[in-house]
Protein backbone atom coordinates (compact mmCIF):
# COMPACT_ATOMS: atom_id res chain seq x y z
CA UNK A 1 59.19 97.71 92.48
CA UNK A 2 62.35 98.76 94.39
CA UNK A 3 65.70 98.51 92.58
CA UNK A 4 69.05 98.37 94.37
CA UNK A 5 72.07 99.79 92.53
CA UNK A 6 75.42 98.88 94.10
CA UNK A 7 77.88 101.80 94.40
CA UNK A 8 75.30 104.09 92.79
CA UNK A 9 75.65 107.12 95.06
CA UNK A 10 77.69 109.87 93.35
CA UNK A 11 78.79 111.31 96.71
CA UNK A 12 79.83 108.39 98.93
CA UNK A 13 79.77 105.46 96.49
CA UNK A 14 77.28 103.52 98.62
CA UNK A 15 74.29 101.44 97.56
CA UNK A 16 71.18 103.27 96.34
CA UNK A 17 67.60 101.95 96.51
CA UNK A 18 64.50 103.21 94.72
CA UNK A 19 62.68 103.29 91.40
CA UNK A 20 62.34 105.52 88.35
CA UNK A 21 59.13 107.18 89.56
CA UNK A 22 60.00 107.96 93.21
CA UNK A 23 63.77 108.55 92.78
CA UNK A 24 66.69 106.72 94.40
CA UNK A 25 67.71 107.06 98.06
CA UNK A 26 71.15 106.72 99.66
CA UNK A 27 70.95 105.77 103.35
CA UNK A 28 74.53 106.91 104.13
CA UNK A 29 74.16 110.42 102.68
CA UNK A 30 70.41 110.79 103.27
CA UNK A 31 69.97 112.21 99.75
CA UNK A 32 67.47 111.52 96.93
CA UNK A 33 68.80 111.19 93.35
CA UNK A 34 67.22 111.09 89.91
CA UNK A 35 67.87 108.06 87.72
CA UNK A 36 70.17 110.01 85.39
CA UNK A 37 72.39 111.12 88.30
CA UNK A 38 72.92 107.52 89.37
CA UNK A 39 73.54 106.21 85.85
CA UNK A 40 76.05 109.04 85.17
CA UNK A 41 78.04 107.88 88.19
CA UNK A 42 78.14 104.31 86.87
CA UNK A 43 79.61 105.53 83.57
CA UNK A 44 82.36 107.37 85.46
CA UNK A 45 83.24 104.14 87.29
CA UNK A 46 83.58 102.33 83.94
CA UNK A 47 85.91 105.08 82.64
CA UNK A 48 88.12 104.72 85.73
CA UNK A 49 88.42 100.98 85.15
CA UNK A 50 89.53 101.53 81.54
CA UNK A 51 92.31 103.89 82.64
CA UNK A 52 93.55 101.39 85.24
CA UNK A 53 93.92 98.64 82.63
CA UNK A 54 96.23 100.74 80.45
CA UNK A 55 99.88 99.70 80.39
CA UNK A 56 102.09 101.78 82.62
CA UNK A 57 105.54 101.42 84.10
CA UNK A 58 109.08 101.26 82.79
CA UNK A 59 109.62 101.68 79.09
CA UNK A 60 113.44 101.68 78.81
CA UNK A 61 115.97 100.75 81.48
CA UNK A 62 118.89 103.19 81.33
CA UNK A 63 120.06 103.25 84.95
CA UNK A 64 121.55 106.75 84.91
CA UNK A 65 122.58 108.22 88.25
CA UNK A 66 120.83 111.46 89.14
CA UNK A 67 122.74 114.34 90.72
CA UNK A 68 121.09 116.75 93.16
CA UNK A 69 120.18 120.19 91.79
CA UNK A 70 119.40 118.89 88.30
CA UNK A 71 115.99 118.32 86.71
CA UNK A 72 115.90 115.18 84.52
CA UNK A 73 113.24 114.78 81.81
CA UNK A 74 112.44 112.99 78.54
CA UNK A 75 112.84 115.46 75.68
CA UNK A 76 110.93 115.67 72.37
CA UNK A 77 113.18 113.11 70.67
CA UNK A 78 112.69 110.54 73.46
CA UNK A 79 116.16 110.99 75.00
CA UNK A 80 117.02 111.80 78.61
CA UNK A 81 118.07 115.40 79.14
CA UNK A 82 118.78 117.51 82.19
CA UNK A 83 118.85 121.18 83.15
CA UNK A 84 120.10 122.89 86.29
CA UNK A 85 117.19 123.93 88.52
CA UNK A 86 116.57 127.67 88.72
CA UNK A 87 117.01 129.22 92.17
CA UNK A 88 115.39 132.59 91.42
CA UNK A 89 112.71 133.77 89.08
CA UNK A 90 115.35 135.66 87.06
CA UNK A 91 117.26 132.41 86.37
CA UNK A 92 114.22 130.76 84.80
CA UNK A 93 114.85 129.89 81.14
CA UNK A 94 118.46 131.13 81.13
CA UNK A 95 120.17 127.75 81.08
CA UNK A 96 120.13 125.30 78.18
CA UNK A 97 119.43 121.63 78.65
CA UNK A 98 122.04 118.99 77.96
CA UNK A 99 121.50 115.47 76.69
CA UNK A 100 122.49 112.80 79.24
CA UNK A 101 121.69 109.61 77.37
CA UNK A 102 120.24 108.75 73.99
CA UNK A 103 117.25 106.42 74.34
CA UNK A 104 115.14 107.16 71.25
CA UNK A 105 111.78 106.35 72.86
CA UNK A 106 108.79 106.76 70.54
CA UNK A 107 106.16 108.57 72.56
CA UNK A 108 102.51 107.55 72.31
CA UNK A 109 99.67 109.99 72.69
CA UNK A 110 97.92 109.89 76.08
CA UNK A 111 100.99 109.08 78.20
CA UNK A 112 103.31 111.13 80.39
CA UNK A 113 106.96 110.09 80.03
CA UNK A 114 109.39 110.77 82.89
CA UNK A 115 112.68 109.66 84.44
CA UNK A 116 111.92 107.64 87.57
CA UNK A 117 113.96 107.33 90.78
CA UNK A 118 116.02 104.42 89.36
CA UNK A 119 117.10 106.54 86.36
CA UNK A 120 114.90 104.65 83.88
CA UNK A 121 112.29 106.04 81.49
CA UNK A 122 108.75 105.28 82.66
CA UNK A 123 105.28 106.30 81.55
CA UNK A 124 101.83 106.68 83.03
CA UNK A 125 98.45 107.33 81.38
CA UNK A 126 97.21 110.91 81.36
CA UNK A 127 93.54 111.82 81.22
CA UNK A 128 93.13 115.02 79.20
CA UNK A 129 90.27 117.43 79.70
CA UNK A 130 87.72 117.31 82.45
CA UNK A 131 84.41 118.76 83.40
CA UNK A 132 85.18 122.15 81.84
CA UNK A 133 86.66 120.66 78.66
CA UNK A 134 83.36 119.00 77.72
CA UNK A 135 81.49 122.30 77.42
CA UNK A 136 83.95 124.02 75.06
CA UNK A 137 83.12 123.87 71.37
């Protein structure tokens, strides 16, 4: 009995046809896959959907105006700070940062907090680890 798995190809994301005994075939790539290769790809698709559903966007509207030559960031305490950008390698780490505005954002694990182009604090989900992180014990 031939089974069709939609978006089952790990290379192109196309449909794959076949069975457990004779393997699965992708017509676009012209490649045969084992059942475990196809099912592993489906799990990755589910993980991507979970990350997309996570809340992201503006956290606090501050509306600060950014000046050129300065790097704006959210510090450990959740406030907006800035530091003058280093021009040479020797300047790196010489200057101290200064607090621009107190926001007091409580950071959650798994998010990257940054100052967006409007001068507000925003966040986006961060996926930690990867293919090499799984093998470490």
